[in-house]
Amino acid sequence: MSINKTFIIGNLTRDPEINVTPSGVSVCKMSIAVNRSFANKGGSRDVDFFNVTCWRATAENCAKYLKKGSKVGIVG
């Protein structure tokens, strides 16, 4: 059995969007832009985009303290 862990460090592309499920659970969605640490064949650096979803207290904290352009680190 193998376990994988991912670290994503980048900037939010828009303000986090928070909603509440019908059962009362907070959910926050956001998008993170990550600059690659190496240049492509053309000499420019590409950017990767990741969609992230947080739940419960983490969702509430993200919506409260983060905004477009905020530097974030995600572990999952």
PDB file of N, CA and C in Angstrom:
ATOM      1  N   MET A   1       0.844  -1.183   0.000  1.00  0.00           N
ATOM      2  CA  MET A   1       0.000   0.000   0.000  1.00  0.00           C
ATOM      3  C   MET A   1       0.885   1.240   0.000  1.00  0.00           C
ATOM      4  N   SER A   2       0.562   2.197  -0.856  1.00  0.00           N
ATOM      5  CA  SER A   2       1.324   3.437  -0.889  1.00  0.00           C
ATOM      6  C   SER A   2       0.400   4.609  -0.558  1.00  0.00           C
ATOM      7  N   ILE A   3       0.984   5.584   0.064  1.00  0.00           N
ATOM      8  CA  ILE A   3       0.244   6.793   0.421  1.00  0.00           C
ATOM      9  C   ILE A   3       0.954   7.972  -0.224  1.00  0.00           C
ATOM     10  N   ASN A   4       0.198   8.801  -0.908  1.00  0.00           N
ATOM     11  CA  ASN A   4       0.767   9.971  -1.561  1.00  0.00           C
ATOM     12  C   ASN A   4       0.358  11.229  -0.821  1.00  0.00           C
ATOM     13  N   LYS A   5       1.249  12.198  -0.778  1.00  0.00           N
ATOM     14  CA  LYS A   5       0.955  13.490  -0.177  1.00  0.00           C
ATOM     15  C   LYS A   5       1.367  14.565  -1.171  1.00  0.00           C
ATOM     16  N   THR A   6       0.517  15.559  -1.338  1.00  0.00           N
ATOM     17  CA  THR A   6       0.777  16.635  -2.280  1.00  0.00           C
ATOM     18  C   THR A   6       0.846  17.959  -1.543  1.00  0.00           C
ATOM     19  N   PHE A   7       1.818  18.776  -1.912  1.00  0.00           N
ATOM     20  CA  PHE A   7       1.950  20.138  -1.396  1.00  0.00           C
ATOM     21  C   PHE A   7       1.762  21.089  -2.562  1.00  0.00           C
ATOM     22  N   ILE A   8       0.818  22.011  -2.433  1.00  0.00           N
ATOM     23  CA  ILE A   8       0.552  22.998  -3.477  1.00  0.00           C
ATOM     24  C   ILE A   8       0.732  24.378  -2.845  1.00  0.00           C
ATOM     25  N   ILE A   9       1.637  25.172  -3.417  1.00  0.00           N
ATOM     26  CA  ILE A   9       1.868  26.527  -2.923  1.00  0.00           C
ATOM     27  C   ILE A   9       1.693  27.474  -4.095  1.00  0.00           C
ATOM     28  N   GLY A  10       0.775  28.423  -3.932  1.00  0.00           N
ATOM     29  CA  GLY A  10       0.505  29.364  -5.018  1.00  0.00           C
ATOM     30  C   GLY A  10      -0.359  30.519  -4.535  1.00  0.00           C
ATOM     31  N   ASN A  11      -0.992  31.189  -5.494  1.00  0.00           N
ATOM     32  CA  ASN A  11      -1.824  32.344  -5.190  1.00  0.00           C
ATOM     33  C   ASN A  11      -3.263  32.094  -5.637  1.00  0.00           C
ATOM     34  N   LEU A  12      -4.213  32.630  -4.869  1.00  0.00           N
ATOM     35  CA  LEU A  12      -5.627  32.491  -5.232  1.00  0.00           C
ATOM     36  C   LEU A  12      -5.923  33.322  -6.474  1.00  0.00           C
ATOM     37  N   THR A  13      -6.665  32.736  -7.407  1.00  0.00           N
ATOM     38  CA  THR A  13      -7.012  33.437  -8.641  1.00  0.00           C
ATOM     39  C   THR A  13      -8.286  34.267  -8.499  1.00  0.00           C
ATOM     40  N   ARG A  14      -9.052  34.016  -7.457  1.00  0.00           N
ATOM     41  CA  ARG A  14     -10.282  34.774  -7.186  1.00  0.00           C
ATOM     42  C   ARG A  14     -10.601  34.648  -5.696  1.00  0.00           C
ATOM     43  N   ASP A  15     -11.532  35.446  -5.209  1.00  0.00           N
ATOM     44  CA  ASP A  15     -11.950  35.347  -3.810  1.00  0.00           C
ATOM     45  C   ASP A  15     -12.587  33.985  -3.566  1.00  0.00           C
ATOM     46  N   PRO A  16     -12.352  33.390  -2.391  1.00  0.00           N
ATOM     47  CA  PRO A  16     -12.983  32.105  -2.059  1.00  0.00           C
ATOM     48  C   PRO A  16     -14.511  32.237  -2.042  1.00  0.00           C
ATOM     49  N   GLU A  17     -15.192  31.179  -2.478  1.00  0.00           N
ATOM     50  CA  GLU A  17     -16.654  31.156  -2.491  1.00  0.00           C
ATOM     51  C   GLU A  17     -17.128  30.183  -1.410  1.00  0.00           C
ATOM     52  N   ILE A  18     -17.870  30.697  -0.415  1.00  0.00           N
ATOM     53  CA  ILE A  18     -18.353  29.830   0.660  1.00  0.00           C
ATOM     54  C   ILE A  18     -19.850  29.609   0.511  1.00  0.00           C
ATOM     55  N   ASN A  19     -20.276  28.386   0.769  1.00  0.00           N
ATOM     56  CA  ASN A  19     -21.682  27.993   0.751  1.00  0.00           C
ATOM     57  C   ASN A  19     -21.933  27.067   1.931  1.00  0.00           C
ATOM     58  N   VAL A  20     -23.194  26.800   2.181  1.00  0.00           N
ATOM     59  CA  VAL A  20     -23.588  25.877   3.247  1.00  0.00           C
ATOM     60  C   VAL A  20     -24.463  24.801   2.629  1.00  0.00           C
ATOM     61  N   THR A  21     -24.158  23.536   2.909  1.00  0.00           N
ATOM     62  CA  THR A  21     -24.964  22.427   2.392  1.00  0.00           C
ATOM     63  C   THR A  21     -26.321  22.419   3.092  1.00  0.00           C
ATOM     64  N   PRO A  22     -27.308  21.706   2.540  1.00  0.00           N
ATOM     65  CA  PRO A  22     -28.625  21.617   3.204  1.00  0.00           C
ATOM     66  C   PRO A  22     -28.543  21.071   4.634  1.00  0.00           C
ATOM     67  N   SER A  23     -27.509  20.280   4.925  1.00  0.00           N
ATOM     68  CA  SER A  23     -27.362  19.737   6.281  1.00  0.00           C
ATOM     69  C   SER A  23     -26.587  20.676   7.203  1.00  0.00           C
ATOM     70  N   GLY A  24     -26.206  21.865   6.705  1.00  0.00           N
ATOM     71  CA  GLY A  24     -25.562  22.864   7.548  1.00  0.00           C
ATOM     72  C   GLY A  24     -24.050  22.827   7.585  1.00  0.00           C
ATOM     73  N   VAL A  25     -23.402  22.129   6.666  1.00  0.00           N
ATOM     74  CA  VAL A  25     -21.940  22.033   6.638  1.00  0.00           C
ATOM     75  C   VAL A  25     -21.384  23.106   5.700  1.00  0.00           C
ATOM     76  N   SER A  26     -20.405  23.882   6.182  1.00  0.00           N
ATOM     77  CA  SER A  26     -19.769  24.915   5.367  1.00  0.00           C
ATOM     78  C   SER A  26     -18.820  24.284   4.356  1.00  0.00           C
ATOM     79  N   VAL A  27     -18.851  24.821   3.135  1.00  0.00           N
ATOM     80  CA  VAL A  27     -17.952  24.349   2.080  1.00  0.00           C
ATOM     81  C   VAL A  27     -17.426  25.574   1.323  1.00  0.00           C
ATOM     82  N   CYS A  28     -16.119  25.601   1.088  1.00  0.00           N
ATOM     83  CA  CYS A  28     -15.481  26.737   0.421  1.00  0.00           C
ATOM     84  C   CYS A  28     -14.714  26.236  -0.795  1.00  0.00           C
ATOM     85  N   LYS A  29     -14.927  26.905  -1.929  1.00  0.00           N
ATOM     86  CA  LYS A  29     -14.231  26.538  -3.162  1.00  0.00           C
ATOM     87  C   LYS A  29     -13.338  27.686  -3.587  1.00  0.00           C
ATOM     88  N   MET A  30     -12.134  27.332  -4.065  1.00  0.00           N
ATOM     89  CA  MET A  30     -11.195  28.341  -4.532  1.00  0.00           C
ATOM     90  C   MET A  30     -10.282  27.747  -5.594  1.00  0.00           C
ATOM     91  N   SER A  31      -9.621  28.613  -6.334  1.00  0.00           N
ATOM     92  CA  SER A  31      -8.709  28.201  -7.393  1.00  0.00           C
ATOM     93  C   SER A  31      -7.330  28.781  -7.096  1.00  0.00           C
ATOM     94  N   ILE A  32      -6.295  27.949  -7.274  1.00  0.00           N
ATOM     95  CA  ILE A  32      -4.923  28.355  -6.958  1.00  0.00           C
ATOM     96  C   ILE A  32      -4.069  28.279  -8.223  1.00  0.00           C
ATOM     97  N   ALA A  33      -3.304  29.336  -8.480  1.00  0.00           N
ATOM     98  CA  ALA A  33      -2.358  29.364  -9.594  1.00  0.00           C
ATOM     99  C   ALA A  33      -0.968  29.081  -9.043  1.00  0.00           C
ATOM    100  N   VAL A  34      -0.273  28.125  -9.667  1.00  0.00           N
ATOM    101  CA  VAL A  34       1.068  27.734  -9.237  1.00  0.00           C
ATOM    102  C   VAL A  34       2.035  27.937 -10.401  1.00  0.00           C
ATOM    103  N   ASN A  35       3.054  28.765 -10.192  1.00  0.00           N
ATOM    104  CA  ASN A  35       4.078  28.985 -11.212  1.00  0.00           C
ATOM    105  C   ASN A  35       5.055  27.820 -11.208  1.00  0.00           C
ATOM    106  N   ARG A  36       5.371  27.327 -12.382  1.00  0.00           N
ATOM    107  CA  ARG A  36       6.360  26.250 -12.481  1.00  0.00           C
ATOM    108  C   ARG A  36       7.756  26.813 -12.210  1.00  0.00           C
ATOM    109  N   SER A  37       8.612  25.990 -11.639  1.00  0.00           N
ATOM    110  CA  SER A  37       9.953  26.446 -11.277  1.00  0.00           C
ATOM    111  C   SER A  37      10.949  26.325 -12.424  1.00  0.00           C
ATOM    112  N   PHE A  38      10.495  25.903 -13.595  1.00  0.00           N
ATOM    113  CA  PHE A  38      11.379  25.760 -14.748  1.00  0.00           C
ATOM    114  C   PHE A  38      10.705  26.366 -15.978  1.00  0.00           C
ATOM    115  N   ALA A  39      11.516  26.748 -16.949  1.00  0.00           N
ATOM    116  CA  ALA A  39      11.004  27.356 -18.172  1.00  0.00           C
ATOM    117  C   ALA A  39      10.732  26.279 -19.221  1.00  0.00           C
ATOM    118  N   ASN A  40       9.769  26.558 -20.110  1.00  0.00           N
ATOM    119  CA  ASN A  40       9.476  25.627 -21.203  1.00  0.00           C
ATOM    120  C   ASN A  40      10.471  25.852 -22.346  1.00  0.00           C
ATOM    121  N   LYS A  41      10.283  25.163 -23.452  1.00  0.00           N
ATOM    122  CA  LYS A  41      11.220  25.274 -24.579  1.00  0.00           C
ATOM    123  C   LYS A  41      11.289  26.693 -25.138  1.00  0.00           C
ATOM    124  N   GLY A  42      10.216  27.447 -25.007  1.00  0.00           N
ATOM    125  CA  GLY A  42      10.182  28.826 -25.486  1.00  0.00           C
ATOM    126  C   GLY A  42      10.833  29.813 -24.544  1.00  0.00           C
ATOM    127  N   GLY A  43      11.217  29.351 -23.343  1.00  0.00           N
ATOM    128  CA  GLY A  43      11.867  30.223 -22.372  1.00  0.00           C
ATOM    129  C   GLY A  43      10.934  30.882 -21.376  1.00  0.00           C
ATOM    130  N   SER A  44       9.623  30.675 -21.529  1.00  0.00           N
ATOM    131  CA  SER A  44       8.686  31.264 -20.565  1.00  0.00           C
ATOM    132  C   SER A  44       8.261  30.217 -19.535  1.00  0.00           C
ATOM    133  N   ARG A  45       7.761  30.682 -18.423  1.00  0.00           N
ATOM    134  CA  ARG A  45       7.322  29.781 -17.346  1.00  0.00           C
ATOM    135  C   ARG A  45       5.812  29.595 -17.418  1.00  0.00           C
ATOM    136  N   ASP A  46       5.375  28.358 -17.374  1.00  0.00           N
ATOM    137  CA  ASP A  46       3.953  28.048 -17.417  1.00  0.00           C
ATOM    138  C   ASP A  46       3.349  28.142 -16.018  1.00  0.00           C
ATOM    139  N   VAL A  47       2.026  28.216 -15.988  1.00  0.00           N
ATOM    140  CA  VAL A  47       1.271  28.270 -14.733  1.00  0.00           C
ATOM    141  C   VAL A  47       0.268  27.130 -14.732  1.00  0.00           C
ATOM    142  N   ASP A  48       0.162  26.432 -13.602  1.00  0.00           N
ATOM    143  CA  ASP A  48      -0.838  25.383 -13.432  1.00  0.00           C
ATOM    144  C   ASP A  48      -1.921  25.895 -12.490  1.00  0.00           C
ATOM    145  N   PHE A  49      -3.177  25.483 -12.747  1.00  0.00           N
ATOM    146  CA  PHE A  49      -4.309  25.908 -11.927  1.00  0.00           C
ATOM    147  C   PHE A  49      -4.928  24.693 -11.249  1.00  0.00           C
ATOM    148  N   PHE A  50      -5.216  24.839  -9.959  1.00  0.00           N
ATOM    149  CA  PHE A  50      -5.809  23.762  -9.173  1.00  0.00           C
ATOM    150  C   PHE A  50      -7.082  24.272  -8.504  1.00  0.00           C
ATOM    151  N   ASN A  51      -8.161  23.489  -8.592  1.00  0.00           N
ATOM    152  CA  ASN A  51      -9.396  23.790  -7.866  1.00  0.00           C
ATOM    153  C   ASN A  51      -9.344  23.055  -6.533  1.00  0.00           C
ATOM    154  N   VAL A  52      -9.636  23.780  -5.453  1.00  0.00           N
ATOM    155  CA  VAL A  52      -9.546  23.230  -4.106  1.00  0.00           C
ATOM    156  C   VAL A  52     -10.879  23.428  -3.394  1.00  0.00           C
ATOM    157  N   THR A  53     -11.297  22.420  -2.640  1.00  0.00           N
ATOM    158  CA  THR A  53     -12.512  22.500  -1.826  1.00  0.00           C
ATOM    159  C   THR A  53     -12.157  22.222  -0.378  1.00  0.00           C
ATOM    160  N   CYS A  54     -12.573  23.114   0.516  1.00  0.00           N
ATOM    161  CA  CYS A  54     -12.360  22.952   1.964  1.00  0.00           C
ATOM    162  C   CYS A  54     -13.715  22.801   2.641  1.00  0.00           C
ATOM    163  N   TRP A  55     -13.727  22.118   3.779  1.00  0.00           N
ATOM    164  CA  TRP A  55     -14.965  21.834   4.491  1.00  0.00           C
ATOM    165  C   TRP A  55     -14.909  22.331   5.931  1.00  0.00           C
ATOM    166  N   ARG A  56     -16.068  22.572   6.507  1.00  0.00           N
ATOM    167  CA  ARG A  56     -16.307  22.890   7.906  1.00  0.00           C
ATOM    168  C   ARG A  56     -15.503  24.110   8.382  1.00  0.00           C
ATOM    169  N   ALA A  57     -14.807  24.020   9.500  1.00  0.00           N
ATOM    170  CA  ALA A  57     -14.098  25.166  10.086  1.00  0.00           C
ATOM    171  C   ALA A  57     -13.020  25.695   9.152  1.00  0.00           C
ATOM    172  N   THR A  58     -12.353  24.796   8.428  1.00  0.00           N
ATOM    173  CA  THR A  58     -11.332  25.238   7.477  1.00  0.00           C
ATOM    174  C   THR A  58     -11.958  26.104   6.395  1.00  0.00           C
ATOM    175  N   ALA A  59     -13.131  25.725   5.925  1.00  0.00           N
ATOM    176  CA  ALA A  59     -13.848  26.506   4.912  1.00  0.00           C
ATOM    177  C   ALA A  59     -14.188  27.895   5.435  1.00  0.00           C
ATOM    178  N   GLU A  60     -14.663  27.962   6.657  1.00  0.00           N
ATOM    179  CA  GLU A  60     -15.023  29.255   7.245  1.00  0.00           C
ATOM    180  C   GLU A  60     -13.800  30.150   7.413  1.00  0.00           C
ATOM    181  N   ASN A  61     -12.676  29.578   7.852  1.00  0.00           N
ATOM    182  CA  ASN A  61     -11.452  30.358   8.021  1.00  0.00           C
ATOM    183  C   ASN A  61     -10.907  30.850   6.679  1.00  0.00           C
ATOM    184  N   CYS A  62     -10.943  30.009   5.657  1.00  0.00           N
ATOM    185  CA  CYS A  62     -10.475  30.413   4.327  1.00  0.00           C
ATOM    186  C   CYS A  62     -11.307  31.577   3.797  1.00  0.00           C
ATOM    187  N   ALA A  63     -12.615  31.477   3.916  1.00  0.00           N
ATOM    188  CA  ALA A  63     -13.497  32.537   3.424  1.00  0.00           C
ATOM    189  C   ALA A  63     -13.300  33.834   4.211  1.00  0.00           C
ATOM    190  N   LYS A  64     -12.975  33.715   5.478  1.00  0.00           N
ATOM    191  CA  LYS A  64     -12.820  34.889   6.337  1.00  0.00           C
ATOM    192  C   LYS A  64     -11.490  35.611   6.115  1.00  0.00           C
ATOM    193  N   TYR A  65     -10.402  34.862   5.929  1.00  0.00           N
ATOM    194  CA  TYR A  65      -9.071  35.459   5.917  1.00  0.00           C
ATOM    195  C   TYR A  65      -8.393  35.541   4.552  1.00  0.00           C
ATOM    196  N   LEU A  66      -8.881  34.816   3.552  1.00  0.00           N
ATOM    197  CA  LEU A  66      -8.216  34.812   2.251  1.00  0.00           C
ATOM    198  C   LEU A  66      -8.975  35.651   1.241  1.00  0.00           C
ATOM    199  N   LYS A  67      -8.239  36.156   0.244  1.00  0.00           N
ATOM    200  CA  LYS A  67      -8.842  36.920  -0.841  1.00  0.00           C
ATOM    201  C   LYS A  67      -8.015  36.702  -2.102  1.00  0.00           C
ATOM    202  N   LYS A  68      -8.498  37.193  -3.222  1.00  0.00           N
ATOM    203  CA  LYS A  68      -7.789  37.045  -4.493  1.00  0.00           C
ATOM    204  C   LYS A  68      -6.346  37.531  -4.325  1.00  0.00           C
ATOM    205  N   GLY A  69      -5.388  36.724  -4.792  1.00  0.00           N
ATOM    206  CA  GLY A  69      -3.985  37.094  -4.725  1.00  0.00           C
ATOM    207  C   GLY A  69      -3.259  36.600  -3.471  1.00  0.00           C
ATOM    208  N   SER A  70      -4.007  36.116  -2.477  1.00  0.00           N
ATOM    209  CA  SER A  70      -3.386  35.624  -1.240  1.00  0.00           C
ATOM    210  C   SER A  70      -2.484  34.421  -1.536  1.00  0.00           C
ATOM    211  N   LYS A  71      -1.313  34.392  -0.907  1.00  0.00           N
ATOM    212  CA  LYS A  71      -0.412  33.239  -1.014  1.00  0.00           C
ATOM    213  C   LYS A  71      -0.942  32.157  -0.078  1.00  0.00           C
ATOM    214  N   VAL A  72      -1.116  30.944  -0.601  1.00  0.00           N
ATOM    215  CA  VAL A  72      -1.644  29.840   0.203  1.00  0.00           C
ATOM    216  C   VAL A  72      -0.794  28.583   0.016  1.00  0.00           C
ATOM    217  N   GLY A  73      -0.822  27.728   1.009  1.00  0.00           N
ATOM    218  CA  GLY A  73      -0.188  26.429   0.944  1.00  0.00           C
ATOM    219  C   GLY A  73      -1.226  25.376   1.281  1.00  0.00           C
ATOM    220  N   ILE A  74      -1.337  24.364   0.441  1.00  0.00           N
ATOM    221  CA  ILE A  74      -2.325  23.293   0.611  1.00  0.00           C
ATOM    222  C   ILE A  74      -1.582  21.968   0.736  1.00  0.00           C
ATOM    223  N   VAL A  75      -1.982  21.159   1.709  1.00  0.00           N
ATOM    224  CA  VAL A  75      -1.433  19.814   1.862  1.00  0.00           C
ATOM    225  C   VAL A  75      -2.598  18.832   1.776  1.00  0.00           C
ATOM    226  N   GLY A  76      -2.441  17.818   0.958  1.00  0.00           N
ATOM    227  CA  GLY A  76      -3.532  16.849   0.837  1.00  0.00           C
ATOM    228  C   GLY A  76      -3.075  15.552   0.242  1.00  0.00           C
TER     229      GLY A  76
END
